[in-house]
Protein backbone atom coordinates (compact mmCIF):
# COMPACT_ATOMS: atom_id res chain seq x y z
CA MET A 1 13.84 6.51 2.24
CA LYS A 2 11.75 5.81 5.28
CA LEU A 3 12.97 6.88 8.69
CA SER A 4 12.65 4.46 11.58
CA THR A 5 11.61 5.42 15.09
CA LYS A 6 15.33 5.82 15.84
CA GLY A 7 15.51 8.85 13.55
CA LYS A 8 12.12 10.28 14.49
CA TYR A 9 12.45 9.89 18.25
CA GLY A 10 16.13 10.77 18.25
CA LEU A 11 15.50 14.05 16.48
CA ARG A 12 12.65 14.91 18.86
CA ALA A 13 14.89 14.07 21.82
CA LEU A 14 17.73 16.26 20.53
CA ILE A 15 15.39 19.20 19.94
CA ASP A 16 14.20 18.75 23.51
CA LEU A 17 17.78 18.51 24.77
CA ALA A 18 18.78 21.64 22.87
CA SER A 19 15.77 23.47 24.35
CA TYR A 20 16.51 22.57 27.96
CA SER A 21 20.30 22.11 28.22
CA GLU A 22 21.37 25.74 27.90
CA GLU A 23 21.70 26.10 31.68
CA GLU A 24 22.40 22.56 32.87
CA ALA A 25 22.65 18.94 31.83
CA VAL A 26 19.32 17.25 31.12
CA PRO A 27 18.52 13.80 32.50
CA ILE A 28 17.12 11.25 30.06
CA SER A 29 14.15 10.80 32.40
CA SER A 30 13.11 14.42 31.78
CA ILE A 31 13.32 14.05 28.01
CA ALA A 32 11.45 10.73 28.20
CA LEU A 33 8.64 12.34 30.19
CA ARG A 34 8.27 15.39 27.95
CA GLN A 35 8.52 13.42 24.70
CA ASN A 36 6.64 10.30 25.83
CA ILE A 37 9.51 8.00 24.81
CA SER A 38 10.80 5.15 26.98
CA GLU A 39 13.97 5.86 28.94
CA SER A 40 15.60 2.61 27.88
CA TYR A 41 15.02 3.43 24.20
CA LEU A 42 16.42 6.94 24.69
CA GLU A 43 19.49 5.48 26.38
CA GLN A 44 20.16 3.42 23.25
CA LEU A 45 19.71 6.47 21.02
CA PHE A 46 21.89 8.68 23.18
CA ALA A 47 24.66 6.07 23.13
CA LYS A 48 24.72 6.40 19.33
CA LEU A 49 24.53 10.20 19.50
CA LYS A 50 27.40 10.26 21.98
CA LYS A 51 29.51 7.96 19.79
CA ALA A 52 28.86 10.35 16.87
CA GLY A 53 30.08 13.29 18.98
CA LEU A 54 26.72 15.06 19.07
CA VAL A 55 26.10 14.85 22.83
CA THR A 56 28.20 14.59 25.96
CA SER A 57 27.21 12.96 29.22
CA ILE A 58 27.76 14.27 32.71
CA ARG A 59 27.71 11.88 35.64
CA GLY A 60 26.45 12.53 39.15
CA ALA A 61 23.46 14.01 40.89
CA GLN A 62 23.29 16.95 38.50
CA GLY A 63 24.17 14.72 35.57
CA GLY A 64 22.53 14.16 32.25
CA TYR A 65 23.26 15.13 28.68
CA ARG A 66 24.23 18.28 26.84
CA LEU A 67 24.88 19.02 23.21
CA ALA A 68 28.55 18.55 22.36
CA LYS A 69 28.48 21.65 20.14
CA PRO A 70 26.16 24.62 19.61
CA ALA A 71 22.70 23.80 18.24
CA GLY A 72 23.41 26.09 15.30
CA SER A 73 26.18 23.80 14.13
CA VAL A 74 24.23 20.52 14.39
CA SER A 75 22.18 19.65 11.31
CA VAL A 76 19.24 17.30 11.04
CA GLY A 77 21.46 15.32 8.68
CA ASP A 78 24.08 14.90 11.44
CA VAL A 79 21.44 13.50 13.77
CA LEU A 80 19.78 11.22 11.23
CA ARG A 81 23.06 9.80 9.94
CA ALA A 82 24.18 9.07 13.52
CA LEU A 83 20.98 7.16 14.19
CA GLU A 84 19.94 5.78 10.81
CA GLY A 85 23.20 5.48 8.91
CA ASN A 86 22.96 5.99 5.17
CA LEU A 87 20.15 8.36 4.16
CA LYS A 88 20.05 7.41 0.50
CA ALA A 89 16.59 6.70 -0.86
CA VAL A 90 18.02 4.44 -3.57
CA GLU A 91 21.38 2.71 -3.62
CA CYS A 92 22.27 2.49 -7.31
CA SER A 93 24.60 -0.41 -8.00
CA ALA A 94 26.41 1.71 -10.60
CA HIS A 95 27.98 3.56 -7.65
CA THR A 96 29.17 0.45 -5.79
CA GLU A 97 32.26 -1.73 -6.07
CA GLU A 98 30.29 -4.47 -7.82
CA GLY A 99 29.10 -2.00 -10.43
CA CYS A 100 26.23 -2.47 -12.81
CA GLN A 101 26.39 -4.22 -16.15
CA GLY A 102 24.02 -1.71 -17.74
CA ALA A 103 25.49 1.41 -16.12
CA ASP A 104 26.76 2.82 -19.42
CA LEU A 105 23.25 2.90 -20.86
CA CYS A 106 21.26 3.49 -17.68
CA VAL A 107 19.68 6.90 -17.36
CA THR A 108 17.76 6.19 -14.15
CA LYS A 109 20.99 6.38 -12.16
CA TYR A 110 20.81 10.16 -12.59
CA VAL A 111 17.32 10.20 -11.10
CA TRP A 112 18.51 8.26 -8.04
CA GLN A 113 21.56 10.48 -7.71
CA LYS A 114 19.42 13.66 -7.82
CA ILE A 115 16.97 12.26 -5.26
CA ASN A 116 19.81 11.31 -2.90
CA GLU A 117 21.50 14.70 -3.34
CA SER A 118 18.22 16.48 -2.66
CA ILE A 119 17.63 14.56 0.56
CA ALA A 120 21.18 15.22 1.75
CA LYS A 121 20.96 18.93 0.90
CA THR A 122 17.64 19.33 2.70
CA VAL A 123 18.62 17.60 5.95
CA ASP A 124 22.02 19.28 6.01
CA GLU A 125 20.50 22.77 5.68
CA ILE A 126 18.11 22.44 8.64
CA MET A 127 19.92 23.15 11.88
CA LEU A 128 18.88 22.16 15.38
CA ASP A 129 18.61 25.76 16.60
CA GLN A 130 16.03 26.45 13.87
CA LEU A 131 13.92 23.56 15.13
CA VAL A 132 14.24 24.75 18.73
CA ARG A 133 12.91 28.17 17.66
CA GLU A 134 10.06 26.53 15.73
CA SER A 135 9.25 24.39 18.75
CA ARG A 136 9.15 27.39 21.09
CA GLU A 137 6.99 29.36 18.66
CA ALA A 138 4.53 26.47 18.33
CA LEU A 139 4.35 26.12 22.12
CA GLN A 140 3.81 29.87 22.52
CA LYS A 141 1.06 29.84 19.90
CA LYS A 142 -0.66 26.92 21.64
CA THR A 143 -0.38 28.68 25.01
CA ASN A 144 -1.87 31.87 23.55
CA GLN A 145 -4.76 29.91 22.02
CA SER A 146 -5.45 28.18 25.35
CA VAL A 147 -5.51 31.51 27.18
CA GLU A 148 -7.84 32.98 24.57
CA TYR A 149 -10.14 29.93 24.78
CA SER A 150 -10.24 30.22 28.60
CA ARG A 151 -11.18 33.91 28.38
CA ASN A 152 -13.94 33.28 25.85
CA SER A 153 -15.41 30.32 27.74
CA CYS A 154 -15.59 32.32 30.98
CA MET A 155 -17.67 35.07 29.37
CA GLY A 156 -20.62 32.66 29.17
């Protein structure tokens, strides 16, 4: 499985939204600026996220987007499925309507099934609020390092 920019940028945008929408709706232009993603591309992604029930839009001067439910109840899997569709690494024909002529003797189908289950389990266990915390911690660490660097460079 290889994620497209839809999944990568969409997840970044939702982490950003979750970080900044606690008080008010967040305009796409703000997310685009912070994440360095084009507004028109984000509009396409947010249309899919809205259709999936992950975000809501608010019109007007104070408009923008908010999460449709708490960040703790939105998984990475929810986001990726809304944007990418099927997350299976391998689509084994034994599990389709057409079937597979060699399915009775095929042992690799269990490998593909385990890989797909593992991917689903992983993305469904990581929640958006966890990523928001990680993001804030990384930003705080970077800020602390910058302050420390400034102090040390001024001591000349």
